Amino acid sequence: MPVGEYVSPDGRLKFLVTCPDGDWTVGFDGFPWHTHGSILAELSGQDEISAVERFLADLIGNVSVIALTRISGELTSVWVTDDPQGALRDCRKYGQDDETVEFRLWNGTRVDI
């Protein structure tokens, strides 16, 4: 199982896969967003290990879209989104005046929405 730290090719993001006390947890280092293997398993219909492996493979394989919010240019949140349009709409509707959202793939490729 891929427990460990994964650094994006451009060095800007670090993704953590941990399993403290049997609780698979994945998320970006330094940011609050995360999810659990049990949630991924329920959503995918796979067992937890397979679901975490698939999530990680999609992330580092440049399938998953990563959302990043900034306030006054400072990175404040990073998460994997399955609804970039919704994230953009929510940022525009509910975000602070100086809050922006951008989208990318793991390899740094910009995703335009």
PDB file of N, CA and C in Angstrom:
ATOM      1  N   MET A   1       0.843  -1.199   0.000  1.00  0.00           N
ATOM      2  CA  MET A   1       0.000   0.000   0.000  1.00  0.00           C
ATOM      3  C   MET A   1       0.871   1.240   0.000  1.00  0.00           C
ATOM      4  N   PRO A   2       0.455   2.257  -0.701  1.00  0.00           N
ATOM      5  CA  PRO A   2       1.288   3.450  -0.882  1.00  0.00           C
ATOM      6  C   PRO A   2       1.231   4.453   0.273  1.00  0.00           C
ATOM      7  N   VAL A   3       1.486   4.008   1.510  1.00  0.00           N
ATOM      8  CA  VAL A   3       1.580   4.956   2.618  1.00  0.00           C
ATOM      9  C   VAL A   3       2.802   5.821   2.368  1.00  0.00           C
ATOM     10  N   GLY A   4       2.667   7.116   2.555  1.00  0.00           N
ATOM     11  CA  GLY A   4       3.827   7.974   2.382  1.00  0.00           C
ATOM     12  C   GLY A   4       3.475   9.362   1.923  1.00  0.00           C
ATOM     13  N   GLU A   5       4.511  10.078   1.503  1.00  0.00           N
ATOM     14  CA  GLU A   5       4.391  11.443   1.010  1.00  0.00           C
ATOM     15  C   GLU A   5       4.659  11.448  -0.487  1.00  0.00           C
ATOM     16  N   TYR A   6       3.838  12.175  -1.203  1.00  0.00           N
ATOM     17  CA  TYR A   6       3.974  12.289  -2.647  1.00  0.00           C
ATOM     18  C   TYR A   6       4.093  13.770  -2.984  1.00  0.00           C
ATOM     19  N   VAL A   7       5.187  14.144  -3.614  1.00  0.00           N
ATOM     20  CA  VAL A   7       5.436  15.544  -3.956  1.00  0.00           C
ATOM     21  C   VAL A   7       5.195  15.724  -5.452  1.00  0.00           C
ATOM     22  N   SER A   8       4.424  16.752  -5.788  1.00  0.00           N
ATOM     23  CA  SER A   8       4.133  17.019  -7.197  1.00  0.00           C
ATOM     24  C   SER A   8       5.430  17.325  -7.944  1.00  0.00           C
ATOM     25  N   PRO A   9       5.470  17.048  -9.243  1.00  0.00           N
ATOM     26  CA  PRO A   9       6.690  17.278 -10.019  1.00  0.00           C
ATOM     27  C   PRO A   9       7.232  18.706  -9.925  1.00  0.00           C
ATOM     28  N   ASP A  10       6.351  19.685  -9.752  1.00  0.00           N
ATOM     29  CA  ASP A  10       6.819  21.072  -9.633  1.00  0.00           C
ATOM     30  C   ASP A  10       7.173  21.442  -8.192  1.00  0.00           C
ATOM     31  N   GLY A  11       7.011  20.497  -7.262  1.00  0.00           N
ATOM     32  CA  GLY A  11       7.382  20.712  -5.872  1.00  0.00           C
ATOM     33  C   GLY A  11       6.432  21.587  -5.078  1.00  0.00           C
ATOM     34  N   ARG A  12       5.312  21.951  -5.644  1.00  0.00           N
ATOM     35  CA  ARG A  12       4.397  22.883  -4.969  1.00  0.00           C
ATOM     36  C   ARG A  12       3.390  22.209  -4.052  1.00  0.00           C
ATOM     37  N   LEU A  13       3.122  20.931  -4.266  1.00  0.00           N
ATOM     38  CA  LEU A  13       2.129  20.228  -3.457  1.00  0.00           C
ATOM     39  C   LEU A  13       2.724  18.956  -2.872  1.00  0.00           C
ATOM     40  N   LYS A  14       2.305  18.661  -1.646  1.00  0.00           N
ATOM     41  CA  LYS A  14       2.679  17.395  -1.024  1.00  0.00           C
ATOM     42  C   LYS A  14       1.393  16.706  -0.572  1.00  0.00           C
ATOM     43  N   PHE A  15       1.208  15.479  -1.012  1.00  0.00           N
ATOM     44  CA  PHE A  15       0.019  14.703  -0.687  1.00  0.00           C
ATOM     45  C   PHE A  15       0.423  13.592   0.262  1.00  0.00           C
ATOM     46  N   LEU A  16      -0.329  13.437   1.340  1.00  0.00           N
ATOM     47  CA  LEU A  16      -0.007  12.455   2.367  1.00  0.00           C
ATOM     48  C   LEU A  16      -1.017  11.319   2.364  1.00  0.00           C
ATOM     49  N   VAL A  17      -0.512  10.103   2.464  1.00  0.00           N
ATOM     50  CA  VAL A  17      -1.339   8.915   2.652  1.00  0.00           C
ATOM     51  C   VAL A  17      -0.879   8.286   3.953  1.00  0.00           C
ATOM     52  N   THR A  18      -1.776   8.244   4.937  1.00  0.00           N
ATOM     53  CA  THR A  18      -1.438   7.689   6.245  1.00  0.00           C
ATOM     54  C   THR A  18      -2.481   6.654   6.646  1.00  0.00           C
ATOM     55  N   CYS A  19      -2.128   5.881   7.643  1.00  0.00           N
ATOM     56  CA  CYS A  19      -3.070   4.885   8.153  1.00  0.00           C
ATOM     57  C   CYS A  19      -2.890   4.722   9.661  1.00  0.00           C
ATOM     58  N   PRO A  20      -3.128   5.795  10.421  1.00  0.00           N
ATOM     59  CA  PRO A  20      -2.989   5.684  11.872  1.00  0.00           C
ATOM     60  C   PRO A  20      -4.098   4.805  12.450  1.00  0.00           C
ATOM     61  N   ASP A  21      -3.700   3.805  13.181  1.00  0.00           N
ATOM     62  CA  ASP A  21      -4.661   2.907  13.839  1.00  0.00           C
ATOM     63  C   ASP A  21      -5.677   2.312  12.869  1.00  0.00           C
ATOM     64  N   GLY A  22      -5.252   2.045  11.638  1.00  0.00           N
ATOM     65  CA  GLY A  22      -6.127   1.410  10.660  1.00  0.00           C
ATOM     66  C   GLY A  22      -7.092   2.343   9.951  1.00  0.00           C
ATOM     67  N   ASP A  23      -6.977   3.650  10.177  1.00  0.00           N
ATOM     68  CA  ASP A  23      -7.859   4.635   9.545  1.00  0.00           C
ATOM     69  C   ASP A  23      -7.126   5.289   8.375  1.00  0.00           C
ATOM     70  N   TRP A  24      -7.379   4.804   7.166  1.00  0.00           N
ATOM     71  CA  TRP A  24      -6.744   5.379   5.984  1.00  0.00           C
ATOM     72  C   TRP A  24      -7.188   6.825   5.827  1.00  0.00           C
ATOM     73  N   THR A  25      -6.218   7.725   5.734  1.00  0.00           N
ATOM     74  CA  THR A  25      -6.488   9.153   5.610  1.00  0.00           C
ATOM     75  C   THR A  25      -5.581   9.717   4.522  1.00  0.00           C
ATOM     76  N   VAL A  26      -6.168  10.522   3.635  1.00  0.00           N
ATOM     77  CA  VAL A  26      -5.396  11.135   2.557  1.00  0.00           C
ATOM     78  C   VAL A  26      -5.726  12.620   2.495  1.00  0.00           C
ATOM     79  N   GLY A  27      -4.709  13.439   2.188  1.00  0.00           N
ATOM     80  CA  GLY A  27      -4.930  14.872   2.066  1.00  0.00           C
ATOM     81  C   GLY A  27      -3.637  15.598   1.767  1.00  0.00           C
ATOM     82  N   PHE A  28      -3.753  16.883   1.525  1.00  0.00           N
ATOM     83  CA  PHE A  28      -2.597  17.713   1.195  1.00  0.00           C
ATOM     84  C   PHE A  28      -1.958  18.250   2.465  1.00  0.00           C
ATOM     85  N   ASP A  29      -0.657  18.126   2.545  1.00  0.00           N
ATOM     86  CA  ASP A  29       0.101  18.581   3.707  1.00  0.00           C
ATOM     87  C   ASP A  29      -0.072  20.089   3.904  1.00  0.00           C
ATOM     88  N   GLY A  30      -0.435  20.475   5.128  1.00  0.00           N
ATOM     89  CA  GLY A  30      -0.563  21.885   5.459  1.00  0.00           C
ATOM     90  C   GLY A  30      -1.933  22.486   5.223  1.00  0.00           C
ATOM     91  N   PHE A  31      -2.893  21.678   4.777  1.00  0.00           N
ATOM     92  CA  PHE A  31      -4.232  22.182   4.485  1.00  0.00           C
ATOM     93  C   PHE A  31      -5.275  21.266   5.118  1.00  0.00           C
ATOM     94  N   PRO A  32      -6.424  21.813   5.507  1.00  0.00           N
ATOM     95  CA  PRO A  32      -7.391  21.017   6.266  1.00  0.00           C
ATOM     96  C   PRO A  32      -8.132  19.942   5.475  1.00  0.00           C
ATOM     97  N   TRP A  33      -8.312  20.119   4.166  1.00  0.00           N
ATOM     98  CA  TRP A  33      -9.095  19.143   3.421  1.00  0.00           C
ATOM     99  C   TRP A  33      -8.427  17.780   3.477  1.00  0.00           C
ATOM    100  N   HIS A  34      -9.233  16.759   3.699  1.00  0.00           N
ATOM    101  CA  HIS A  34      -8.770  15.370   3.663  1.00  0.00           C
ATOM    102  C   HIS A  34      -9.991  14.477   3.481  1.00  0.00           C
ATOM    103  N   THR A  35      -9.739  13.223   3.218  1.00  0.00           N
ATOM    104  CA  THR A  35     -10.817  12.248   3.187  1.00  0.00           C
ATOM    105  C   THR A  35     -10.278  10.942   3.750  1.00  0.00           C
ATOM    106  N   HIS A  36     -11.172   9.997   3.939  1.00  0.00           N
ATOM    107  CA  HIS A  36     -10.818   8.728   4.575  1.00  0.00           C
ATOM    108  C   HIS A  36     -11.079   7.565   3.628  1.00  0.00           C
ATOM    109  N   GLY A  37     -10.313   6.514   3.825  1.00  0.00           N
ATOM    110  CA  GLY A  37     -10.481   5.313   3.024  1.00  0.00           C
ATOM    111  C   GLY A  37     -11.884   4.753   3.098  1.00  0.00           C
ATOM    112  N   SER A  38     -12.501   4.838   4.262  1.00  0.00           N
ATOM    113  CA  SER A  38     -13.862   4.310   4.419  1.00  0.00           C
ATOM    114  C   SER A  38     -14.849   5.077   3.537  1.00  0.00           C
ATOM    115  N   ILE A  39     -14.669   6.379   3.414  1.00  0.00           N
ATOM    116  CA  ILE A  39     -15.543   7.185   2.556  1.00  0.00           C
ATOM    117  C   ILE A  39     -15.290   6.848   1.089  1.00  0.00           C
ATOM    118  N   LEU A  40     -14.020   6.768   0.713  1.00  0.00           N
ATOM    119  CA  LEU A  40     -13.683   6.415  -0.670  1.00  0.00           C
ATOM    120  C   LEU A  40     -14.222   5.037  -1.027  1.00  0.00           C
ATOM    121  N   ALA A  41     -14.136   4.104  -0.082  1.00  0.00           N
ATOM    122  CA  ALA A  41     -14.632   2.746  -0.318  1.00  0.00           C
ATOM    123  C   ALA A  41     -16.142   2.750  -0.534  1.00  0.00           C
ATOM    124  N   GLU A  42     -16.851   3.483   0.309  1.00  0.00           N
ATOM    125  CA  GLU A  42     -18.308   3.530   0.174  1.00  0.00           C
ATOM    126  C   GLU A  42     -18.721   4.159  -1.153  1.00  0.00           C
ATOM    127  N   LEU A  43     -18.043   5.218  -1.548  1.00  0.00           N
ATOM    128  CA  LEU A  43     -18.383   5.891  -2.802  1.00  0.00           C
ATOM    129  C   LEU A  43     -18.045   5.054  -4.033  1.00  0.00           C
ATOM    130  N   SER A  44     -16.977   4.259  -3.936  1.00  0.00           N
ATOM    131  CA  SER A  44     -16.507   3.511  -5.106  1.00  0.00           C
ATOM    132  C   SER A  44     -17.000   2.073  -5.163  1.00  0.00           C
ATOM    133  N   GLY A  45     -17.448   1.550  -4.019  1.00  0.00           N
ATOM    134  CA  GLY A  45     -17.844   0.145  -3.978  1.00  0.00           C
ATOM    135  C   GLY A  45     -16.661  -0.803  -3.869  1.00  0.00           C
ATOM    136  N   GLN A  46     -15.469  -0.261  -3.636  1.00  0.00           N
ATOM    137  CA  GLN A  46     -14.262  -1.070  -3.480  1.00  0.00           C
ATOM    138  C   GLN A  46     -13.932  -1.214  -2.001  1.00  0.00           C
ATOM    139  N   ASP A  47     -12.987  -2.111  -1.691  1.00  0.00           N
ATOM    140  CA  ASP A  47     -12.479  -2.160  -0.323  1.00  0.00           C
ATOM    141  C   ASP A  47     -11.610  -0.920  -0.100  1.00  0.00           C
ATOM    142  N   GLU A  48     -11.307  -0.622   1.171  1.00  0.00           N
ATOM    143  CA  GLU A  48     -10.600   0.623   1.491  1.00  0.00           C
ATOM    144  C   GLU A  48      -9.244   0.739   0.802  1.00  0.00           C
ATOM    145  N   ILE A  49      -8.454  -0.318   0.854  1.00  0.00           N
ATOM    146  CA  ILE A  49      -7.117  -0.245   0.261  1.00  0.00           C
ATOM    147  C   ILE A  49      -7.208   0.016  -1.241  1.00  0.00           C
ATOM    148  N   SER A  50      -8.080  -0.709  -1.917  1.00  0.00           N
ATOM    149  CA  SER A  50      -8.245  -0.501  -3.364  1.00  0.00           C
ATOM    150  C   SER A  50      -8.751   0.901  -3.669  1.00  0.00           C
ATOM    151  N   ALA A  51      -9.658   1.404  -2.837  1.00  0.00           N
ATOM    152  CA  ALA A  51     -10.206   2.743  -3.058  1.00  0.00           C
ATOM    153  C   ALA A  51      -9.134   3.817  -2.868  1.00  0.00           C
ATOM    154  N   VAL A  52      -8.300   3.663  -1.844  1.00  0.00           N
ATOM    155  CA  VAL A  52      -7.214   4.621  -1.617  1.00  0.00           C
ATOM    156  C   VAL A  52      -6.199   4.537  -2.754  1.00  0.00           C
ATOM    157  N   GLU A  53      -5.858   3.333  -3.176  1.00  0.00           N
ATOM    158  CA  GLU A  53      -4.919   3.164  -4.290  1.00  0.00           C
ATOM    159  C   GLU A  53      -5.456   3.824  -5.561  1.00  0.00           C
ATOM    160  N   ARG A  54      -6.741   3.652  -5.844  1.00  0.00           N
ATOM    161  CA  ARG A  54      -7.354   4.245  -7.042  1.00  0.00           C
ATOM    162  C   ARG A  54      -7.341   5.769  -6.938  1.00  0.00           C
ATOM    163  N   PHE A  55      -7.692   6.302  -5.759  1.00  0.00           N
ATOM    164  CA  PHE A  55      -7.704   7.752  -5.553  1.00  0.00           C
ATOM    165  C   PHE A  55      -6.316   8.329  -5.795  1.00  0.00           C
ATOM    166  N   LEU A  56      -5.305   7.684  -5.221  1.00  0.00           N
ATOM    167  CA  LEU A  56      -3.924   8.139  -5.389  1.00  0.00           C
ATOM    168  C   LEU A  56      -3.483   8.031  -6.848  1.00  0.00           C
ATOM    169  N   ALA A  57      -3.811   6.915  -7.496  1.00  0.00           N
ATOM    170  CA  ALA A  57      -3.431   6.731  -8.900  1.00  0.00           C
ATOM    171  C   ALA A  57      -4.060   7.802  -9.787  1.00  0.00           C
ATOM    172  N   ASP A  58      -5.328   8.123  -9.529  1.00  0.00           N
ATOM    173  CA  ASP A  58      -5.993   9.170 -10.311  1.00  0.00           C
ATOM    174  C   ASP A  58      -5.360  10.534 -10.057  1.00  0.00           C
ATOM    175  N   LEU A  59      -4.957  10.779  -8.806  1.00  0.00           N
ATOM    176  CA  LEU A  59      -4.333  12.061  -8.479  1.00  0.00           C
ATOM    177  C   LEU A  59      -2.985  12.195  -9.174  1.00  0.00           C
ATOM    178  N   ILE A  60      -2.072  11.287  -8.904  1.00  0.00           N
ATOM    179  CA  ILE A  60      -0.717  11.425  -9.448  1.00  0.00           C
ATOM    180  C   ILE A  60      -0.640  11.057 -10.927  1.00  0.00           C
ATOM    181  N   GLY A  61      -1.705  10.440 -11.449  1.00  0.00           N
ATOM    182  CA  GLY A  61      -1.779  10.130 -12.872  1.00  0.00           C
ATOM    183  C   GLY A  61      -2.425  11.238 -13.689  1.00  0.00           C
ATOM    184  N   ASN A  62      -2.674  12.385 -13.052  1.00  0.00           N
ATOM    185  CA  ASN A  62      -3.221  13.561 -13.737  1.00  0.00           C
ATOM    186  C   ASN A  62      -4.626  13.355 -14.284  1.00  0.00           C
ATOM    187  N   VAL A  63      -5.409  12.557 -13.558  1.00  0.00           N
ATOM    188  CA  VAL A  63      -6.821  12.375 -13.891  1.00  0.00           C
ATOM    189  C   VAL A  63      -7.670  13.312 -13.036  1.00  0.00           C
ATOM    190  N   SER A  64      -7.370  13.385 -11.754  1.00  0.00           N
ATOM    191  CA  SER A  64      -8.127  14.215 -10.811  1.00  0.00           C
ATOM    192  C   SER A  64      -7.758  15.687 -10.954  1.00  0.00           C
ATOM    193  N   VAL A  65      -8.763  16.537 -10.765  1.00  0.00           N
ATOM    194  CA  VAL A  65      -8.563  17.985 -10.801  1.00  0.00           C
ATOM    195  C   VAL A  65      -8.363  18.482  -9.373  1.00  0.00           C
ATOM    196  N   ILE A  66      -7.335  19.294  -9.193  1.00  0.00           N
ATOM    197  CA  ILE A  66      -7.001  19.871  -7.894  1.00  0.00           C
ATOM    198  C   ILE A  66      -7.434  21.333  -7.904  1.00  0.00           C
ATOM    199  N   ALA A  67      -8.172  21.725  -6.864  1.00  0.00           N
ATOM    200  CA  ALA A  67      -8.590  23.121  -6.700  1.00  0.00           C
ATOM    201  C   ALA A  67      -7.697  23.785  -5.665  1.00  0.00           C
ATOM    202  N   LEU A  68      -7.337  25.031  -5.921  1.00  0.00           N
ATOM    203  CA  LEU A  68      -6.514  25.812  -4.993  1.00  0.00           C
ATOM    204  C   LEU A  68      -7.163  27.174  -4.811  1.00  0.00           C
ATOM    205  N   THR A  69      -7.395  27.573  -3.575  1.00  0.00           N
ATOM    206  CA  THR A  69      -7.905  28.914  -3.326  1.00  0.00           C
ATOM    207  C   THR A  69      -6.799  29.773  -2.742  1.00  0.00           C
ATOM    208  N   ARG A  70      -6.858  31.038  -3.099  1.00  0.00           N
ATOM    209  CA  ARG A  70      -5.908  32.029  -2.589  1.00  0.00           C
ATOM    210  C   ARG A  70      -6.698  33.239  -2.102  1.00  0.00           C
ATOM    211  N   ILE A  71      -6.218  33.808  -1.015  1.00  0.00           N
ATOM    212  CA  ILE A  71      -6.755  35.067  -0.513  1.00  0.00           C
ATOM    213  C   ILE A  71      -5.593  36.044  -0.484  1.00  0.00           C
ATOM    214  N   SER A  72      -5.763  37.151  -1.183  1.00  0.00           N
ATOM    215  CA  SER A  72      -4.681  38.142  -1.331  1.00  0.00           C
ATOM    216  C   SER A  72      -3.401  37.484  -1.838  1.00  0.00           C
ATOM    217  N   GLY A  73      -3.559  36.499  -2.721  1.00  0.00           N
ATOM    218  CA  GLY A  73      -2.417  35.826  -3.315  1.00  0.00           C
ATOM    219  C   GLY A  73      -1.822  34.700  -2.492  1.00  0.00           C
ATOM    220  N   GLU A  74      -2.246  34.546  -1.233  1.00  0.00           N
ATOM    221  CA  GLU A  74      -1.697  33.494  -0.368  1.00  0.00           C
ATOM    222  C   GLU A  74      -2.549  32.232  -0.474  1.00  0.00           C
ATOM    223  N   LEU A  75      -1.891  31.111  -0.715  1.00  0.00           N
ATOM    224  CA  LEU A  75      -2.581  29.832  -0.831  1.00  0.00           C
ATOM    225  C   LEU A  75      -3.221  29.474   0.503  1.00  0.00           C
ATOM    226  N   THR A  76      -4.544  29.258   0.488  1.00  0.00           N
ATOM    227  CA  THR A  76      -5.271  28.992   1.729  1.00  0.00           C
ATOM    228  C   THR A  76      -5.920  27.621   1.782  1.00  0.00           C
ATOM    229  N   SER A  77      -6.169  27.006   0.638  1.00  0.00           N
ATOM    230  CA  SER A  77      -6.830  25.705   0.641  1.00  0.00           C
ATOM    231  C   SER A  77      -6.500  24.947  -0.634  1.00  0.00           C
ATOM    232  N   VAL A  78      -6.367  23.632  -0.486  1.00  0.00           N
ATOM    233  CA  VAL A  78      -6.101  22.745  -1.621  1.00  0.00           C
ATOM    234  C   VAL A  78      -6.955  21.499  -1.433  1.00  0.00           C
ATOM    235  N   TRP A  79      -7.646  21.079  -2.487  1.00  0.00           N
ATOM    236  CA  TRP A  79      -8.446  19.865  -2.401  1.00  0.00           C
ATOM    237  C   TRP A  79      -8.653  19.274  -3.787  1.00  0.00           C
ATOM    238  N   VAL A  80      -9.043  18.004  -3.810  1.00  0.00           N
ATOM    239  CA  VAL A  80      -9.398  17.331  -5.055  1.00  0.00           C
ATOM    240  C   VAL A  80     -10.889  17.563  -5.263  1.00  0.00           C
ATOM    241  N   THR A  81     -11.250  18.031  -6.449  1.00  0.00           N
ATOM    242  CA  THR A  81     -12.657  18.312  -6.720  1.00  0.00           C
ATOM    243  C   THR A  81     -13.166  17.485  -7.890  1.00  0.00           C
ATOM    244  N   ASP A  82     -14.390  17.010  -7.753  1.00  0.00           N
ATOM    245  CA  ASP A  82     -15.036  16.351  -8.888  1.00  0.00           C
ATOM    246  C   ASP A  82     -16.041  17.309  -9.540  1.00  0.00           C
ATOM    247  N   ASP A  83     -16.058  18.565  -9.060  1.00  0.00           N
ATOM    248  CA  ASP A  83     -16.968  19.572  -9.593  1.00  0.00           C
ATOM    249  C   ASP A  83     -16.274  20.937  -9.680  1.00  0.00           C
ATOM    250  N   PRO A  84     -15.329  21.091 -10.603  1.00  0.00           N
ATOM    251  CA  PRO A  84     -14.641  22.377 -10.723  1.00  0.00           C
ATOM    252  C   PRO A  84     -15.588  23.548 -11.000  1.00  0.00           C
ATOM    253  N   GLN A  85     -16.600  23.320 -11.824  1.00  0.00           N
ATOM    254  CA  GLN A  85     -17.573  24.388 -12.111  1.00  0.00           C
ATOM    255  C   GLN A  85     -18.241  24.865 -10.827  1.00  0.00           C
ATOM    256  N   GLY A  86     -18.625  23.911  -9.974  1.00  0.00           N
ATOM    257  CA  GLY A  86     -19.259  24.251  -8.702  1.00  0.00           C
ATOM    258  C   GLY A  86     -18.309  24.990  -7.777  1.00  0.00           C
ATOM    259  N   ALA A  87     -17.049  24.570  -7.743  1.00  0.00           N
ATOM    260  CA  ALA A  87     -16.054  25.241  -6.897  1.00  0.00           C
ATOM    261  C   ALA A  87     -15.836  26.678  -7.361  1.00  0.00           C
ATOM    262  N   LEU A  88     -15.785  26.878  -8.663  1.00  0.00           N
ATOM    263  CA  LEU A  88     -15.622  28.224  -9.214  1.00  0.00           C
ATOM    264  C   LEU A  88     -16.840  29.087  -8.890  1.00  0.00           C
ATOM    265  N   ARG A  89     -18.013  28.529  -9.096  1.00  0.00           N
ATOM    266  CA  ARG A  89     -19.256  29.254  -8.803  1.00  0.00           C
ATOM    267  C   ARG A  89     -19.328  29.632  -7.322  1.00  0.00           C
ATOM    268  N   ASP A  90     -19.002  28.680  -6.440  1.00  0.00           N
ATOM    269  CA  ASP A  90     -19.061  28.945  -4.999  1.00  0.00           C
ATOM    270  C   ASP A  90     -18.053  30.004  -4.575  1.00  0.00           C
ATOM    271  N   CYS A  91     -16.864  29.966  -5.156  1.00  0.00           N
ATOM    272  CA  CYS A  91     -15.853  30.971  -4.819  1.00  0.00           C
ATOM    273  C   CYS A  91     -16.338  32.361  -5.221  1.00  0.00           C
ATOM    274  N   ARG A  92     -16.923  32.455  -6.394  1.00  0.00           N
ATOM    275  CA  ARG A  92     -17.417  33.751  -6.862  1.00  0.00           C
ATOM    276  C   ARG A  92     -18.593  34.245  -6.020  1.00  0.00           C
ATOM    277  N   LYS A  93     -19.435  33.308  -5.597  1.00  0.00           N
ATOM    278  CA  LYS A  93     -20.641  33.676  -4.855  1.00  0.00           C
ATOM    279  C   LYS A  93     -20.360  33.930  -3.376  1.00  0.00           C
ATOM    280  N   TYR A  94     -19.535  33.066  -2.762  1.00  0.00           N
ATOM    281  CA  TYR A  94     -19.352  33.118  -1.312  1.00  0.00           C
ATOM    282  C   TYR A  94     -17.960  33.561  -0.869  1.00  0.00           C
ATOM    283  N   GLY A  95     -17.018  33.601  -1.790  1.00  0.00           N
ATOM    284  CA  GLY A  95     -15.638  33.927  -1.428  1.00  0.00           C
ATOM    285  C   GLY A  95     -15.456  35.391  -1.062  1.00  0.00           C
ATOM    286  N   GLN A  96     -14.337  35.659  -0.434  1.00  0.00           N
ATOM    287  CA  GLN A  96     -13.990  37.036  -0.107  1.00  0.00           C
ATOM    288  C   GLN A  96     -13.683  37.799  -1.396  1.00  0.00           C
ATOM    289  N   ASP A  97     -13.699  39.116  -1.301  1.00  0.00           N
ATOM    290  CA  ASP A  97     -13.460  39.947  -2.487  1.00  0.00           C
ATOM    291  C   ASP A  97     -12.123  39.639  -3.152  1.00  0.00           C
ATOM    292  N   ASP A  98     -11.118  39.327  -2.348  1.00  0.00           N
ATOM    293  CA  ASP A  98      -9.779  39.057  -2.881  1.00  0.00           C
ATOM    294  C   ASP A  98      -9.457  37.563  -2.930  1.00  0.00           C
ATOM    295  N   GLU A  99     -10.505  36.735  -2.925  1.00  0.00           N
ATOM    296  CA  GLU A  99     -10.314  35.280  -2.982  1.00  0.00           C
ATOM    297  C   GLU A  99     -10.448  34.793  -4.421  1.00  0.00           C
ATOM    298  N   THR A 100      -9.526  33.925  -4.815  1.00  0.00           N
ATOM    299  CA  THR A 100      -9.555  33.351  -6.156  1.00  0.00           C
ATOM    300  C   THR A 100      -9.459  31.835  -6.051  1.00  0.00           C
ATOM    301  N   VAL A 101      -9.892  31.162  -7.097  1.00  0.00           N
ATOM    302  CA  VAL A 101      -9.740  29.712  -7.168  1.00  0.00           C
ATOM    303  C   VAL A 101      -9.139  29.379  -8.529  1.00  0.00           C
ATOM    304  N   GLU A 102      -8.227  28.436  -8.520  1.00  0.00           N
ATOM    305  CA  GLU A 102      -7.612  27.977  -9.769  1.00  0.00           C
ATOM    306  C   GLU A 102      -7.591  26.455  -9.747  1.00  0.00           C
ATOM    307  N   PHE A 103      -7.380  25.871 -10.898  1.00  0.00           N
ATOM    308  CA  PHE A 103      -7.428  24.420 -11.023  1.00  0.00           C
ATOM    309  C   PHE A 103      -6.199  23.930 -11.771  1.00  0.00           C
ATOM    310  N   ARG A 104      -5.730  22.763 -11.366  1.00  0.00           N
ATOM    311  CA  ARG A 104      -4.542  22.192 -11.983  1.00  0.00           C
ATOM    312  C   ARG A 104      -4.590  20.678 -11.863  1.00  0.00           C
ATOM    313  N   LEU A 105      -3.670  20.053 -12.554  1.00  0.00           N
ATOM    314  CA  LEU A 105      -3.429  18.624 -12.402  1.00  0.00           C
ATOM    315  C   LEU A 105      -2.184  18.450 -11.548  1.00  0.00           C
ATOM    316  N   TRP A 106      -1.922  17.223 -11.131  1.00  0.00           N
ATOM    317  CA  TRP A 106      -0.771  16.936 -10.279  1.00  0.00           C
ATOM    318  C   TRP A 106       0.531  17.413 -10.911  1.00  0.00           C
ATOM    319  N   ASN A 107       0.654  17.255 -12.228  1.00  0.00           N
ATOM    320  CA  ASN A 107       1.903  17.619 -12.902  1.00  0.00           C
ATOM    321  C   ASN A 107       2.063  19.123 -13.105  1.00  0.00           C
ATOM    322  N   GLY A 108       1.097  19.907 -12.633  1.00  0.00           N
ATOM    323  CA  GLY A 108       1.176  21.360 -12.737  1.00  0.00           C
ATOM    324  C   GLY A 108       0.416  21.955 -13.903  1.00  0.00           C
ATOM    325  N   THR A 109      -0.107  21.122 -14.782  1.00  0.00           N
ATOM    326  CA  THR A 109      -0.868  21.624 -15.920  1.00  0.00           C
ATOM    327  C   THR A 109      -2.106  22.367 -15.434  1.00  0.00           C
ATOM    328  N   ARG A 110      -2.272  23.575 -15.929  1.00  0.00           N
ATOM    329  CA  ARG A 110      -3.444  24.384 -15.574  1.00  0.00           C
ATOM    330  C   ARG A 110      -4.694  23.778 -16.214  1.00  0.00           C
ATOM    331  N   VAL A 111      -5.787  23.803 -15.475  1.00  0.00           N
ATOM    332  CA  VAL A 111      -7.078  23.351 -15.989  1.00  0.00           C
ATOM    333  C   VAL A 111      -7.982  24.577 -16.061  1.00  0.00           C
ATOM    334  N   ASP A 112      -8.389  24.934 -17.259  1.00  0.00           N
ATOM    335  CA  ASP A 112      -9.269  26.091 -17.445  1.00  0.00           C
ATOM    336  C   ASP A 112     -10.721  25.652 -17.354  1.00  0.00           C
ATOM    337  N   ILE A 113     -11.480  26.394 -16.589  1.00  0.00           N
ATOM    338  CA  ILE A 113     -12.906  26.092 -16.393  1.00  0.00           C
ATOM    339  C   ILE A 113     -13.724  27.228 -16.984  1.00  0.00           C
TER     340      ILE A 113
END
